[in-house]
Amino acid sequence: MVRRSAGILFVSGTRLLLLKRASCSNNAGLWGLPGGRVEEGESEWLGALRETREEVGAPPLCRPIGEIVVRRPKRLYRIFVVRVPRSERLLWRASLNEEHDEFRWAKLSWCLKYSDQLHPVVAAVVNPRRARKRLLSLIEGEAPTEAVWLKVPKARVQVLGCV
């Protein structure tokens, strides 16, 4: 049986909202996205939204721009990519729950430099060049023309634009 998880990748320019996992959490000390396990009977979008509200409080104002699917052994992660205006990013503050110690709007270059500090799902999206290239095209408003599974270490990644 495949375990379903979902999260939201908040993007503002080339900055990504990352949350640092607390020492009492799984993947302690790693930077990840708001999200978690989808409950039985719950859609992936509603699961991602519920988890985000639990982890950061009210999310910043945003609009959807695409999805990323990451498949790992026995796990399926659906990441909803949303754009946050710069003005909203500068004003918004997270109300973190006990699962996280801090948050940051990290530049993509920071993610590449410190990829060893990223949650495996985030690393699968930003670290391999082919996956990062498709993520950047999505961020820049160029929806991918086809859904292609990219094989990256320990995962397969698919980037989809909004319909």
N, C-alpha and C. Protein backbone atom coordinates (compact mmCIF):
# COMPACT_ATOMS: atom_id res chain seq x y z
N MET A 1 0.84 -1.19 0.00
CA MET A 1 0.00 0.00 0.00
C MET A 1 0.89 1.25 0.00
N VAL A 2 0.51 2.22 -0.81
CA VAL A 2 1.26 3.47 -0.93
C VAL A 2 0.70 4.49 0.06
N ARG A 3 1.59 5.09 0.85
CA ARG A 3 1.18 6.14 1.79
C ARG A 3 1.14 7.47 1.06
N ARG A 4 0.01 8.19 1.19
CA ARG A 4 -0.15 9.47 0.51
C ARG A 4 0.16 10.62 1.46
N SER A 5 0.97 11.55 0.97
CA SER A 5 1.26 12.77 1.70
C SER A 5 1.10 13.93 0.73
N ALA A 6 0.87 15.11 1.29
CA ALA A 6 0.70 16.29 0.44
C ALA A 6 1.24 17.51 1.18
N GLY A 7 1.70 18.47 0.41
CA GLY A 7 2.22 19.70 0.98
C GLY A 7 2.05 20.85 0.01
N ILE A 8 2.45 22.02 0.48
CA ILE A 8 2.35 23.21 -0.36
C ILE A 8 3.73 23.85 -0.46
N LEU A 9 4.16 24.11 -1.69
CA LEU A 9 5.40 24.82 -1.95
C LEU A 9 5.03 26.26 -2.26
N PHE A 10 5.27 27.14 -1.28
CA PHE A 10 5.00 28.57 -1.45
C PHE A 10 6.22 29.19 -2.13
N VAL A 11 5.99 29.85 -3.27
CA VAL A 11 7.06 30.45 -4.06
C VAL A 11 6.81 31.94 -4.16
N SER A 12 7.85 32.73 -3.90
CA SER A 12 7.78 34.18 -4.05
C SER A 12 9.04 34.61 -4.79
N GLY A 13 8.89 34.96 -6.06
CA GLY A 13 10.08 35.18 -6.90
C GLY A 13 10.81 33.86 -7.02
N THR A 14 12.09 33.83 -6.64
CA THR A 14 12.83 32.55 -6.62
C THR A 14 13.07 32.10 -5.18
N ARG A 15 12.25 32.59 -4.27
CA ARG A 15 12.35 32.16 -2.87
C ARG A 15 11.27 31.14 -2.56
N LEU A 16 11.63 30.17 -1.74
CA LEU A 16 10.73 29.10 -1.34
C LEU A 16 10.55 29.13 0.16
N LEU A 17 9.33 28.94 0.63
CA LEU A 17 9.07 28.88 2.07
C LEU A 17 9.50 27.50 2.57
N LEU A 18 10.44 27.50 3.52
CA LEU A 18 10.91 26.26 4.12
C LEU A 18 10.73 26.32 5.63
N LEU A 19 10.43 25.17 6.22
CA LEU A 19 10.26 25.05 7.66
C LEU A 19 11.32 24.09 8.19
N LYS A 20 11.96 24.46 9.29
CA LYS A 20 12.98 23.59 9.89
C LYS A 20 12.32 22.67 10.90
N ARG A 21 12.51 21.36 10.70
CA ARG A 21 11.91 20.36 11.58
C ARG A 21 12.53 20.42 12.97
N ALA A 22 11.70 20.39 14.00
CA ALA A 22 12.16 20.43 15.39
C ALA A 22 12.86 19.12 15.76
N SER A 23 13.65 19.16 16.82
CA SER A 23 14.42 17.99 17.24
C SER A 23 13.52 16.83 17.66
N CYS A 24 12.27 17.11 18.04
CA CYS A 24 11.35 16.05 18.45
C CYS A 24 10.57 15.45 17.27
N SER A 25 10.84 15.91 16.06
CA SER A 25 10.09 15.47 14.88
C SER A 25 10.89 14.50 14.02
N ASN A 26 10.19 13.77 13.16
CA ASN A 26 10.88 12.98 12.13
C ASN A 26 11.68 13.94 11.26
N ASN A 27 12.80 13.49 10.74
CA ASN A 27 13.67 14.33 9.91
C ASN A 27 14.11 15.60 10.64
N ALA A 28 14.42 15.44 11.92
CA ALA A 28 14.81 16.57 12.78
C ALA A 28 15.97 17.36 12.16
N GLY A 29 15.83 18.69 12.21
CA GLY A 29 16.89 19.57 11.73
C GLY A 29 16.88 19.82 10.23
N LEU A 30 16.05 19.09 9.49
CA LEU A 30 16.00 19.28 8.04
C LEU A 30 14.94 20.33 7.67
N TRP A 31 15.18 20.98 6.56
CA TRP A 31 14.26 22.00 6.05
C TRP A 31 13.28 21.34 5.08
N GLY A 32 12.00 21.54 5.31
CA GLY A 32 10.98 20.95 4.45
C GLY A 32 9.85 21.92 4.16
N LEU A 33 8.79 21.38 3.62
CA LEU A 33 7.60 22.15 3.26
C LEU A 33 6.50 21.91 4.28
N PRO A 34 5.56 22.83 4.39
CA PRO A 34 4.39 22.52 5.20
C PRO A 34 3.59 21.41 4.51
N GLY A 35 3.20 20.43 5.28
CA GLY A 35 2.45 19.32 4.71
C GLY A 35 2.57 18.09 5.57
N GLY A 36 1.96 17.01 5.14
CA GLY A 36 2.02 15.76 5.90
C GLY A 36 1.11 14.71 5.31
N ARG A 37 0.79 13.75 6.12
CA ARG A 37 0.00 12.60 5.68
C ARG A 37 -1.44 13.00 5.37
N VAL A 38 -1.95 12.48 4.27
CA VAL A 38 -3.35 12.69 3.87
C VAL A 38 -4.20 11.66 4.61
N GLU A 39 -5.25 12.11 5.25
CA GLU A 39 -6.12 11.21 6.00
C GLU A 39 -7.06 10.44 5.07
N GLU A 40 -7.54 9.32 5.56
CA GLU A 40 -8.47 8.48 4.81
C GLU A 40 -9.69 9.29 4.39
N GLY A 41 -10.04 9.26 3.10
CA GLY A 41 -11.20 9.96 2.58
C GLY A 41 -10.96 11.44 2.31
N GLU A 42 -9.77 11.92 2.56
CA GLU A 42 -9.44 13.33 2.38
C GLU A 42 -8.73 13.52 1.03
N SER A 43 -9.05 14.59 0.32
CA SER A 43 -8.34 14.86 -0.93
C SER A 43 -6.94 15.35 -0.60
N GLU A 44 -6.04 15.21 -1.55
CA GLU A 44 -4.66 15.65 -1.32
C GLU A 44 -4.60 17.16 -1.10
N TRP A 45 -5.40 17.94 -1.85
CA TRP A 45 -5.40 19.39 -1.65
C TRP A 45 -5.88 19.75 -0.24
N LEU A 46 -6.98 19.15 0.22
CA LEU A 46 -7.48 19.45 1.56
C LEU A 46 -6.51 18.98 2.63
N GLY A 47 -5.84 17.86 2.40
CA GLY A 47 -4.82 17.39 3.35
C GLY A 47 -3.66 18.36 3.43
N ALA A 48 -3.21 18.85 2.28
CA ALA A 48 -2.10 19.81 2.26
C ALA A 48 -2.49 21.10 2.97
N LEU A 49 -3.71 21.56 2.73
CA LEU A 49 -4.19 22.78 3.36
C LEU A 49 -4.34 22.61 4.88
N ARG A 50 -4.89 21.47 5.30
CA ARG A 50 -5.05 21.19 6.73
C ARG A 50 -3.69 21.16 7.42
N GLU A 51 -2.75 20.43 6.84
CA GLU A 51 -1.41 20.33 7.42
C GLU A 51 -0.72 21.69 7.47
N THR A 52 -0.88 22.48 6.42
CA THR A 52 -0.26 23.81 6.38
C THR A 52 -0.81 24.68 7.50
N ARG A 53 -2.12 24.67 7.68
CA ARG A 53 -2.73 25.47 8.75
C ARG A 53 -2.26 25.01 10.13
N GLU A 54 -2.11 23.68 10.30
CA GLU A 54 -1.62 23.15 11.57
C GLU A 54 -0.18 23.61 11.83
N GLU A 55 0.62 23.68 10.79
CA GLU A 55 2.05 23.92 10.96
C GLU A 55 2.46 25.39 10.94
N VAL A 56 1.73 26.24 10.20
CA VAL A 56 2.13 27.65 10.11
C VAL A 56 1.02 28.63 10.44
N GLY A 57 -0.16 28.15 10.79
CA GLY A 57 -1.29 29.05 11.01
C GLY A 57 -1.89 29.44 9.66
N ALA A 58 -2.40 30.64 9.58
CA ALA A 58 -3.00 31.09 8.32
C ALA A 58 -1.91 31.23 7.26
N PRO A 59 -2.07 30.56 6.12
CA PRO A 59 -1.04 30.65 5.08
C PRO A 59 -1.05 32.03 4.40
N PRO A 60 0.06 32.39 3.76
CA PRO A 60 0.07 33.67 3.03
C PRO A 60 -0.89 33.63 1.84
N LEU A 61 -1.35 34.80 1.42
CA LEU A 61 -2.20 34.88 0.23
C LEU A 61 -1.41 34.35 -0.95
N CYS A 62 -2.07 33.57 -1.78
CA CYS A 62 -1.33 32.94 -2.89
C CYS A 62 -2.30 32.50 -3.97
N ARG A 63 -1.72 32.08 -5.11
CA ARG A 63 -2.52 31.50 -6.18
C ARG A 63 -1.78 30.28 -6.74
N PRO A 64 -2.51 29.23 -7.08
CA PRO A 64 -1.88 28.00 -7.57
C PRO A 64 -1.22 28.20 -8.94
N ILE A 65 -0.05 27.58 -9.12
CA ILE A 65 0.61 27.63 -10.43
C ILE A 65 0.98 26.24 -10.94
N GLY A 66 0.86 25.21 -10.12
CA GLY A 66 1.18 23.88 -10.61
C GLY A 66 1.26 22.85 -9.50
N GLU A 67 1.71 21.67 -9.89
CA GLU A 67 1.86 20.56 -8.95
C GLU A 67 3.15 19.83 -9.24
N ILE A 68 3.68 19.22 -8.21
CA ILE A 68 4.84 18.35 -8.35
C ILE A 68 4.47 17.05 -7.65
N VAL A 69 4.74 15.94 -8.29
CA VAL A 69 4.50 14.64 -7.68
C VAL A 69 5.85 13.97 -7.49
N VAL A 70 6.10 13.52 -6.28
CA VAL A 70 7.35 12.81 -5.98
C VAL A 70 6.97 11.41 -5.50
N ARG A 71 7.49 10.41 -6.19
CA ARG A 71 7.25 9.02 -5.80
C ARG A 71 8.54 8.46 -5.21
N ARG A 72 8.39 7.94 -4.01
CA ARG A 72 9.48 7.24 -3.34
C ARG A 72 8.95 5.86 -2.99
N PRO A 73 9.80 4.95 -2.62
CA PRO A 73 9.29 3.61 -2.27
C PRO A 73 8.16 3.68 -1.24
N LYS A 74 7.02 3.15 -1.62
CA LYS A 74 5.83 3.07 -0.78
C LYS A 74 5.26 4.42 -0.36
N ARG A 75 5.67 5.51 -1.03
CA ARG A 75 5.16 6.84 -0.69
C ARG A 75 4.89 7.64 -1.95
N LEU A 76 3.82 8.43 -1.89
CA LEU A 76 3.49 9.35 -2.96
C LEU A 76 3.28 10.72 -2.33
N TYR A 77 4.06 11.70 -2.75
CA TYR A 77 3.94 13.06 -2.25
C TYR A 77 3.41 13.95 -3.36
N ARG A 78 2.31 14.65 -3.10
CA ARG A 78 1.79 15.62 -4.06
C ARG A 78 2.04 16.99 -3.46
N ILE A 79 2.78 17.81 -4.20
CA ILE A 79 3.14 19.14 -3.74
C ILE A 79 2.42 20.15 -4.63
N PHE A 80 1.61 20.98 -4.01
CA PHE A 80 0.90 22.02 -4.73
C PHE A 80 1.77 23.27 -4.70
N VAL A 81 2.12 23.77 -5.88
CA VAL A 81 2.99 24.94 -6.00
C VAL A 81 2.11 26.17 -6.12
N VAL A 82 2.34 27.15 -5.24
CA VAL A 82 1.53 28.37 -5.24
C VAL A 82 2.45 29.58 -5.23
N ARG A 83 2.01 30.65 -5.89
CA ARG A 83 2.80 31.88 -5.96
C ARG A 83 2.30 32.87 -4.91
N VAL A 84 3.27 33.46 -4.19
CA VAL A 84 2.98 34.45 -3.16
C VAL A 84 3.56 35.78 -3.63
N PRO A 85 2.76 36.84 -3.69
CA PRO A 85 3.30 38.15 -4.07
C PRO A 85 4.39 38.60 -3.09
N ARG A 86 5.37 39.32 -3.59
CA ARG A 86 6.48 39.80 -2.76
C ARG A 86 5.97 40.60 -1.56
N SER A 87 4.99 41.46 -1.79
CA SER A 87 4.45 42.28 -0.70
C SER A 87 3.87 41.41 0.42
N GLU A 88 3.21 40.32 0.05
CA GLU A 88 2.65 39.39 1.03
C GLU A 88 3.77 38.67 1.78
N ARG A 89 4.80 38.25 1.05
CA ARG A 89 5.93 37.56 1.68
C ARG A 89 6.59 38.43 2.74
N LEU A 90 6.75 39.72 2.44
CA LEU A 90 7.43 40.62 3.37
C LEU A 90 6.62 40.86 4.64
N LEU A 91 5.30 40.77 4.56
CA LEU A 91 4.43 41.03 5.72
C LEU A 91 4.08 39.78 6.53
N TRP A 92 4.03 38.62 5.86
CA TRP A 92 3.53 37.39 6.48
C TRP A 92 4.52 36.81 7.49
N ARG A 93 4.00 36.29 8.58
CA ARG A 93 4.80 35.58 9.59
C ARG A 93 4.10 34.28 9.94
N ALA A 94 4.88 33.24 10.07
CA ALA A 94 4.33 31.93 10.43
C ALA A 94 4.09 31.84 11.93
N SER A 95 3.04 31.15 12.31
CA SER A 95 2.79 30.78 13.71
C SER A 95 3.09 29.29 13.80
N LEU A 96 4.35 28.97 14.02
CA LEU A 96 4.81 27.58 13.96
C LEU A 96 4.27 26.73 15.11
N ASN A 97 3.93 25.48 14.79
CA ASN A 97 3.55 24.54 15.84
C ASN A 97 4.81 23.84 16.36
N GLU A 98 4.62 22.85 17.22
CA GLU A 98 5.76 22.18 17.86
C GLU A 98 6.60 21.33 16.90
N GLU A 99 6.14 21.11 15.68
CA GLU A 99 6.90 20.29 14.73
C GLU A 99 8.07 21.05 14.10
N HIS A 100 8.07 22.39 14.23
CA HIS A 100 9.09 23.20 13.55
C HIS A 100 9.69 24.24 14.49
N ASP A 101 10.97 24.53 14.26
CA ASP A 101 11.69 25.51 15.07
C ASP A 101 11.73 26.89 14.42
N GLU A 102 11.78 26.92 13.10
CA GLU A 102 11.89 28.20 12.40
C GLU A 102 11.42 28.06 10.96
N PHE A 103 11.24 29.21 10.32
CA PHE A 103 10.88 29.22 8.90
C PHE A 103 11.79 30.22 8.20
N ARG A 104 11.90 30.07 6.90
CA ARG A 104 12.67 31.03 6.11
C ARG A 104 12.17 31.00 4.67
N TRP A 105 12.33 32.14 4.01
CA TRP A 105 12.08 32.24 2.58
C TRP A 105 13.46 32.09 1.94
N ALA A 106 13.80 30.89 1.54
CA ALA A 106 15.14 30.59 1.04
C ALA A 106 15.22 30.78 -0.46
N LYS A 107 16.29 31.40 -0.90
CA LYS A 107 16.54 31.49 -2.33
C LYS A 107 16.87 30.09 -2.84
N LEU A 108 16.57 29.86 -4.10
CA LEU A 108 16.88 28.57 -4.70
C LEU A 108 18.37 28.28 -4.61
N SER A 109 19.19 29.31 -4.72
CA SER A 109 20.65 29.12 -4.61
C SER A 109 21.03 28.60 -3.22
N TRP A 110 20.32 29.05 -2.18
CA TRP A 110 20.57 28.55 -0.83
C TRP A 110 20.23 27.06 -0.76
N CYS A 111 19.11 26.68 -1.37
CA CYS A 111 18.69 25.27 -1.38
C CYS A 111 19.74 24.39 -2.03
N LEU A 112 20.34 24.88 -3.10
CA LEU A 112 21.37 24.11 -3.79
C LEU A 112 22.63 23.99 -2.93
N LYS A 113 23.01 25.08 -2.29
CA LYS A 113 24.22 25.09 -1.47
C LYS A 113 24.08 24.19 -0.25
N TYR A 114 22.90 24.16 0.34
CA TYR A 114 22.66 23.40 1.56
C TYR A 114 21.71 22.22 1.33
N SER A 115 21.82 21.59 0.20
CA SER A 115 20.88 20.51 -0.14
C SER A 115 20.96 19.34 0.85
N ASP A 116 22.09 19.19 1.54
CA ASP A 116 22.21 18.13 2.53
C ASP A 116 21.35 18.42 3.77
N GLN A 117 20.84 19.65 3.90
CA GLN A 117 20.00 20.02 5.03
C GLN A 117 18.51 20.04 4.66
N LEU A 118 18.19 19.57 3.44
CA LEU A 118 16.80 19.57 2.97
C LEU A 118 16.15 18.21 3.21
N HIS A 119 14.87 18.24 3.50
CA HIS A 119 14.07 17.01 3.56
C HIS A 119 14.23 16.29 2.23
N PRO A 120 14.26 14.96 2.21
CA PRO A 120 14.49 14.23 0.95
C PRO A 120 13.53 14.60 -0.19
N VAL A 121 12.29 14.92 0.12
CA VAL A 121 11.34 15.29 -0.93
C VAL A 121 11.71 16.64 -1.54
N VAL A 122 12.09 17.61 -0.71
CA VAL A 122 12.50 18.92 -1.22
C VAL A 122 13.79 18.77 -2.03
N ALA A 123 14.72 17.98 -1.53
CA ALA A 123 15.97 17.75 -2.26
C ALA A 123 15.71 17.12 -3.62
N ALA A 124 14.73 16.22 -3.70
CA ALA A 124 14.40 15.57 -4.97
C ALA A 124 13.85 16.57 -5.99
N VAL A 125 13.26 17.65 -5.50
CA VAL A 125 12.65 18.65 -6.38
C VAL A 125 13.66 19.71 -6.82
N VAL A 126 14.57 20.12 -5.94
CA VAL A 126 15.47 21.24 -6.27
C VAL A 126 16.89 20.82 -6.63
N ASN A 127 17.32 19.64 -6.22
CA ASN A 127 18.73 19.30 -6.41
C ASN A 127 19.08 18.77 -7.80
N PRO A 128 18.42 17.73 -8.30
CA PRO A 128 18.80 17.26 -9.64
C PRO A 128 18.51 18.35 -10.68
N ARG A 129 19.43 18.58 -11.58
CA ARG A 129 19.33 19.66 -12.56
C ARG A 129 18.05 19.60 -13.39
N ARG A 130 17.68 18.41 -13.85
CA ARG A 130 16.48 18.29 -14.70
C ARG A 130 15.21 18.64 -13.95
N ALA A 131 15.11 18.20 -12.68
CA ALA A 131 13.94 18.53 -11.89
C ALA A 131 13.91 20.02 -11.59
N ARG A 132 15.05 20.60 -11.23
CA ARG A 132 15.13 22.03 -10.92
C ARG A 132 14.76 22.86 -12.14
N LYS A 133 15.20 22.44 -13.32
CA LYS A 133 14.90 23.17 -14.55
C LYS A 133 13.40 23.23 -14.80
N ARG A 134 12.71 22.12 -14.56
CA ARG A 134 11.26 22.10 -14.75
C ARG A 134 10.55 22.92 -13.68
N LEU A 135 11.06 22.90 -12.44
CA LEU A 135 10.50 23.73 -11.38
C LEU A 135 10.66 25.21 -11.73
N LEU A 136 11.83 25.60 -12.20
CA LEU A 136 12.06 26.99 -12.58
C LEU A 136 11.13 27.43 -13.70
N SER A 137 10.91 26.57 -14.68
CA SER A 137 10.00 26.95 -15.77
C SER A 137 8.58 27.15 -15.24
N LEU A 138 8.19 26.35 -14.27
CA LEU A 138 6.88 26.50 -13.65
C LEU A 138 6.81 27.83 -12.88
N ILE A 139 7.86 28.13 -12.11
CA ILE A 139 7.90 29.38 -11.35
C ILE A 139 7.86 30.59 -12.28
N GLU A 140 8.53 30.49 -13.42
CA GLU A 140 8.58 31.60 -14.37
C GLU A 140 7.33 31.71 -15.23
N GLY A 141 6.35 30.85 -14.98
CA GLY A 141 5.09 30.95 -15.69
C GLY A 141 4.99 30.15 -16.96
N GLU A 142 5.96 29.31 -17.21
CA GLU A 142 5.94 28.45 -18.40
C GLU A 142 5.54 27.06 -17.97
N ALA A 143 4.26 26.76 -18.10
CA ALA A 143 3.77 25.44 -17.70
C ALA A 143 4.44 24.36 -18.54
N PRO A 144 4.88 23.28 -17.91
CA PRO A 144 5.48 22.19 -18.68
C PRO A 144 4.50 21.69 -19.74
N THR A 145 5.01 21.42 -20.93
CA THR A 145 4.14 20.99 -22.03
C THR A 145 3.74 19.54 -21.90
N GLU A 146 4.50 18.76 -21.18
CA GLU A 146 4.16 17.36 -21.02
C GLU A 146 4.55 16.91 -19.62
N ALA A 147 3.83 15.93 -19.13
CA ALA A 147 4.14 15.37 -17.82
C ALA A 147 5.15 14.24 -18.00
N VAL A 148 6.36 14.47 -17.58
CA VAL A 148 7.43 13.49 -17.73
C VAL A 148 7.94 13.11 -16.35
N TRP A 149 8.08 11.82 -16.11
CA TRP A 149 8.67 11.38 -14.85
C TRP A 149 10.17 11.49 -14.96
N LEU A 150 10.79 12.19 -14.03
CA LEU A 150 12.24 12.33 -13.99
C LEU A 150 12.77 11.39 -12.92
N LYS A 151 13.74 10.56 -13.26
CA LYS A 151 14.33 9.67 -12.27
C LYS A 151 15.44 10.43 -11.57
N VAL A 152 15.31 10.56 -10.27
CA VAL A 152 16.33 11.20 -9.45
C VAL A 152 16.68 10.20 -8.34
N PRO A 153 17.79 10.40 -7.65
CA PRO A 153 18.17 9.42 -6.62
C PRO A 153 17.05 9.13 -5.63
N LYS A 154 16.69 7.88 -5.50
CA LYS A 154 15.70 7.39 -4.53
C LYS A 154 14.29 7.91 -4.77
N ALA A 155 14.02 8.49 -5.94
CA ALA A 155 12.68 9.02 -6.18
C ALA A 155 12.45 9.21 -7.68
N ARG A 156 11.18 9.45 -8.03
CA ARG A 156 10.79 9.88 -9.37
C ARG A 156 9.98 11.14 -9.19
N VAL A 157 10.24 12.16 -10.03
CA VAL A 157 9.61 13.47 -9.87
C VAL A 157 8.87 13.81 -11.15
N GLN A 158 7.65 14.35 -10.99
CA GLN A 158 6.86 14.82 -12.13
C GLN A 158 6.37 16.23 -11.81
N VAL A 159 6.60 17.17 -12.72
CA VAL A 159 6.19 18.57 -12.54
C VAL A 159 5.05 18.85 -13.52
N LEU A 160 3.95 19.38 -13.00
CA LEU A 160 2.76 19.64 -13.81
C LEU A 160 2.34 21.11 -13.65
N GLY A 161 1.99 21.75 -14.75
CA GLY A 161 1.46 23.11 -14.66
C GLY A 161 -0.02 23.07 -14.35
N CYS A 162 -0.57 24.18 -13.93
CA CYS A 162 -2.01 24.27 -13.69
C CYS A 162 -2.75 24.21 -15.02
N VAL A 163 -3.92 23.62 -14.98
CA VAL A 163 -4.73 23.53 -16.19
C VAL A 163 -5.60 24.76 -16.30
